[in-house]
Amino acid sequence: MPKRTLQGVVVSDKQDKTVVVRVDRRFTHPLYKKTIRRSKNYHAHDENNEFKAGDTVRIEESKPLSKLKRWTVVRD
């Protein structure tokens, strides 16, 4: 089974070897048929501290690295 990948924007790079990535998704409301945007933050592992706030990155599923980190940033 392939690992899931998501694309998002780095919103925080203040932690060591960790970035917080905001992933937006759009879907249609089941009753009102209006397009809704929802976002979720993911903590991702950034080994070399190379990504800064505002960067668009792709994250990939990984084994649990800490209490909150279950994703790693991958190079495109």
N, C-alpha and C. Protein backbone atom coordinates (compact mmCIF):
# COMPACT_ATOMS: atom_id res chain seq x y z
N MET A 1 0.84 -1.18 0.00
CA MET A 1 0.00 0.00 0.00
C MET A 1 0.89 1.25 0.00
N PRO A 2 0.69 2.17 -0.94
CA PRO A 2 1.53 3.37 -0.99
C PRO A 2 1.22 4.33 0.16
N LYS A 3 2.22 5.13 0.50
CA LYS A 3 2.04 6.10 1.57
C LYS A 3 1.25 7.29 1.04
N ARG A 4 0.41 7.85 1.90
CA ARG A 4 -0.37 9.02 1.51
C ARG A 4 0.54 10.24 1.43
N THR A 5 0.27 11.12 0.48
CA THR A 5 0.98 12.39 0.40
C THR A 5 -0.04 13.51 0.35
N LEU A 6 0.31 14.62 0.97
CA LEU A 6 -0.54 15.81 1.00
C LEU A 6 0.30 17.02 0.64
N GLN A 7 -0.33 18.05 0.11
CA GLN A 7 0.38 19.28 -0.22
C GLN A 7 -0.18 20.41 0.61
N GLY A 8 0.71 21.25 1.13
CA GLY A 8 0.26 22.34 1.97
C GLY A 8 1.30 23.43 2.09
N VAL A 9 1.02 24.39 2.96
CA VAL A 9 1.88 25.56 3.15
C VAL A 9 2.44 25.54 4.57
N VAL A 10 3.74 25.80 4.69
CA VAL A 10 4.38 25.86 6.01
C VAL A 10 3.89 27.12 6.73
N VAL A 11 3.34 26.93 7.93
CA VAL A 11 2.86 28.08 8.71
C VAL A 11 3.78 28.38 9.89
N SER A 12 4.61 27.41 10.29
CA SER A 12 5.54 27.64 11.40
C SER A 12 6.77 26.77 11.21
N ASP A 13 7.95 27.39 11.45
CA ASP A 13 9.21 26.64 11.38
C ASP A 13 10.06 26.92 12.61
N LYS A 14 9.41 27.27 13.72
CA LYS A 14 10.13 27.68 14.92
C LYS A 14 10.71 26.53 15.72
N GLN A 15 10.18 25.31 15.53
CA GLN A 15 10.70 24.15 16.26
C GLN A 15 11.91 23.58 15.52
N ASP A 16 12.75 22.88 16.26
CA ASP A 16 13.94 22.27 15.65
C ASP A 16 13.53 20.99 14.93
N LYS A 17 13.88 20.90 13.65
CA LYS A 17 13.62 19.73 12.80
C LYS A 17 12.13 19.43 12.63
N THR A 18 11.27 20.43 12.84
CA THR A 18 9.84 20.25 12.70
C THR A 18 9.24 21.47 12.02
N VAL A 19 8.30 21.25 11.11
CA VAL A 19 7.52 22.34 10.53
C VAL A 19 6.04 22.01 10.71
N VAL A 20 5.23 23.05 10.81
CA VAL A 20 3.79 22.88 10.87
C VAL A 20 3.25 23.25 9.50
N VAL A 21 2.51 22.32 8.89
CA VAL A 21 2.02 22.49 7.53
C VAL A 21 0.49 22.56 7.55
N ARG A 22 -0.06 23.61 6.92
CA ARG A 22 -1.51 23.74 6.81
C ARG A 22 -1.95 23.15 5.48
N VAL A 23 -2.84 22.15 5.55
CA VAL A 23 -3.36 21.51 4.35
C VAL A 23 -4.83 21.90 4.19
N ASP A 24 -5.16 22.51 3.04
CA ASP A 24 -6.53 22.94 2.76
C ASP A 24 -7.22 21.89 1.91
N ARG A 25 -8.51 21.70 2.17
CA ARG A 25 -9.30 20.82 1.32
C ARG A 25 -10.62 21.50 1.02
N ARG A 26 -11.17 21.20 -0.16
CA ARG A 26 -12.44 21.78 -0.58
C ARG A 26 -13.42 20.66 -0.85
N PHE A 27 -14.65 20.86 -0.42
CA PHE A 27 -15.69 19.87 -0.68
C PHE A 27 -17.04 20.57 -0.76
N THR A 28 -17.99 19.89 -1.34
CA THR A 28 -19.34 20.43 -1.48
C THR A 28 -20.19 20.00 -0.29
N HIS A 29 -20.91 20.94 0.28
CA HIS A 29 -21.79 20.64 1.40
C HIS A 29 -22.90 19.71 0.92
N PRO A 30 -23.15 18.63 1.68
CA PRO A 30 -24.12 17.63 1.20
C PRO A 30 -25.55 18.15 1.04
N LEU A 31 -25.96 19.11 1.84
CA LEU A 31 -27.34 19.61 1.76
C LEU A 31 -27.43 20.89 0.93
N TYR A 32 -26.54 21.84 1.19
CA TYR A 32 -26.65 23.16 0.57
C TYR A 32 -25.87 23.29 -0.73
N LYS A 33 -25.07 22.29 -1.07
CA LYS A 33 -24.32 22.26 -2.34
C LYS A 33 -23.36 23.43 -2.52
N LYS A 34 -22.96 24.03 -1.42
CA LYS A 34 -22.01 25.13 -1.49
C LYS A 34 -20.60 24.58 -1.24
N THR A 35 -19.62 25.11 -1.95
CA THR A 35 -18.24 24.67 -1.76
C THR A 35 -17.70 25.24 -0.46
N ILE A 36 -17.13 24.38 0.36
CA ILE A 36 -16.61 24.76 1.67
C ILE A 36 -15.12 24.47 1.72
N ARG A 37 -14.35 25.37 2.34
CA ARG A 37 -12.92 25.14 2.53
C ARG A 37 -12.66 24.83 4.00
N ARG A 38 -11.93 23.76 4.24
CA ARG A 38 -11.52 23.40 5.59
C ARG A 38 -10.01 23.21 5.58
N SER A 39 -9.36 23.50 6.69
CA SER A 39 -7.91 23.31 6.76
C SER A 39 -7.56 22.56 8.03
N LYS A 40 -6.40 21.90 7.98
CA LYS A 40 -5.92 21.14 9.13
C LYS A 40 -4.41 21.29 9.19
N ASN A 41 -3.87 21.37 10.39
CA ASN A 41 -2.43 21.51 10.57
C ASN A 41 -1.81 20.16 10.88
N TYR A 42 -0.66 19.89 10.23
CA TYR A 42 0.09 18.67 10.46
C TYR A 42 1.51 19.04 10.87
N HIS A 43 2.05 18.33 11.86
CA HIS A 43 3.44 18.50 12.24
C HIS A 43 4.25 17.52 11.40
N ALA A 44 5.28 18.02 10.72
CA ALA A 44 6.07 17.18 9.83
C ALA A 44 7.55 17.31 10.14
N HIS A 45 8.29 16.22 9.93
CA HIS A 45 9.72 16.18 10.20
C HIS A 45 10.49 16.84 9.07
N ASP A 46 11.37 17.78 9.43
CA ASP A 46 12.22 18.49 8.48
C ASP A 46 13.65 18.37 8.98
N GLU A 47 14.35 17.33 8.55
CA GLU A 47 15.66 16.95 9.11
C GLU A 47 16.68 18.09 9.09
N ASN A 48 16.76 18.85 7.99
CA ASN A 48 17.82 19.86 7.85
C ASN A 48 17.33 21.28 8.07
N ASN A 49 16.14 21.46 8.60
CA ASN A 49 15.57 22.79 8.84
C ASN A 49 15.64 23.66 7.59
N GLU A 50 15.31 23.09 6.42
CA GLU A 50 15.48 23.82 5.17
C GLU A 50 14.23 24.56 4.71
N PHE A 51 13.06 24.29 5.29
CA PHE A 51 11.83 24.93 4.85
C PHE A 51 11.44 26.05 5.80
N LYS A 52 10.98 27.16 5.22
CA LYS A 52 10.60 28.33 6.00
C LYS A 52 9.11 28.61 5.84
N ALA A 53 8.57 29.46 6.70
CA ALA A 53 7.15 29.80 6.65
C ALA A 53 6.81 30.40 5.29
N GLY A 54 5.70 29.94 4.72
CA GLY A 54 5.26 30.41 3.41
C GLY A 54 5.61 29.47 2.27
N ASP A 55 6.51 28.52 2.50
CA ASP A 55 6.89 27.56 1.45
C ASP A 55 5.77 26.56 1.22
N THR A 56 5.56 26.19 -0.05
CA THR A 56 4.63 25.12 -0.39
C THR A 56 5.40 23.82 -0.41
N VAL A 57 4.94 22.84 0.36
CA VAL A 57 5.67 21.58 0.51
C VAL A 57 4.73 20.39 0.33
N ARG A 58 5.32 19.23 0.12
CA ARG A 58 4.58 17.97 0.05
C ARG A 58 5.02 17.14 1.25
N ILE A 59 4.05 16.58 1.98
CA ILE A 59 4.38 15.75 3.13
C ILE A 59 3.91 14.32 2.88
N GLU A 60 4.62 13.38 3.49
CA GLU A 60 4.34 11.96 3.29
C GLU A 60 4.19 11.28 4.63
N GLU A 61 3.28 10.32 4.68
CA GLU A 61 3.04 9.52 5.87
C GLU A 61 4.32 8.83 6.32
N SER A 62 4.52 8.69 7.62
CA SER A 62 5.66 7.93 8.13
C SER A 62 5.29 7.33 9.48
N LYS A 63 6.23 6.59 10.04
CA LYS A 63 5.99 6.03 11.36
C LYS A 63 5.96 7.17 12.38
N PRO A 64 5.38 6.96 13.55
CA PRO A 64 5.36 8.02 14.56
C PRO A 64 6.78 8.40 14.99
N LEU A 65 7.09 9.70 14.88
CA LEU A 65 8.41 10.20 15.25
C LEU A 65 8.40 10.88 16.61
N SER A 66 7.23 11.33 17.04
CA SER A 66 7.08 11.93 18.37
C SER A 66 5.59 11.91 18.69
N LYS A 67 5.20 12.64 19.72
CA LYS A 67 3.79 12.66 20.12
C LYS A 67 2.89 13.16 18.99
N LEU A 68 3.32 14.17 18.26
CA LEU A 68 2.49 14.77 17.22
C LEU A 68 2.95 14.49 15.80
N LYS A 69 4.21 14.14 15.61
CA LYS A 69 4.76 14.01 14.25
C LYS A 69 4.54 12.61 13.69
N ARG A 70 3.77 12.55 12.60
CA ARG A 70 3.55 11.30 11.87
C ARG A 70 3.77 11.50 10.38
N TRP A 71 4.36 12.64 9.99
CA TRP A 71 4.58 13.00 8.59
C TRP A 71 6.01 13.47 8.41
N THR A 72 6.55 13.33 7.21
CA THR A 72 7.87 13.86 6.87
C THR A 72 7.73 14.71 5.60
N VAL A 73 8.55 15.74 5.50
CA VAL A 73 8.56 16.58 4.31
C VAL A 73 9.41 15.89 3.26
N VAL A 74 8.90 15.82 2.02
CA VAL A 74 9.66 15.19 0.94
C VAL A 74 10.05 16.24 -0.10
N ARG A 75 11.19 16.02 -0.74
CA ARG A 75 11.66 16.93 -1.79
C ARG A 75 10.87 16.67 -3.07
N ASP A 76 10.56 17.72 -3.81
CA ASP A 76 9.89 17.56 -5.10
C ASP A 76 10.89 17.57 -6.23
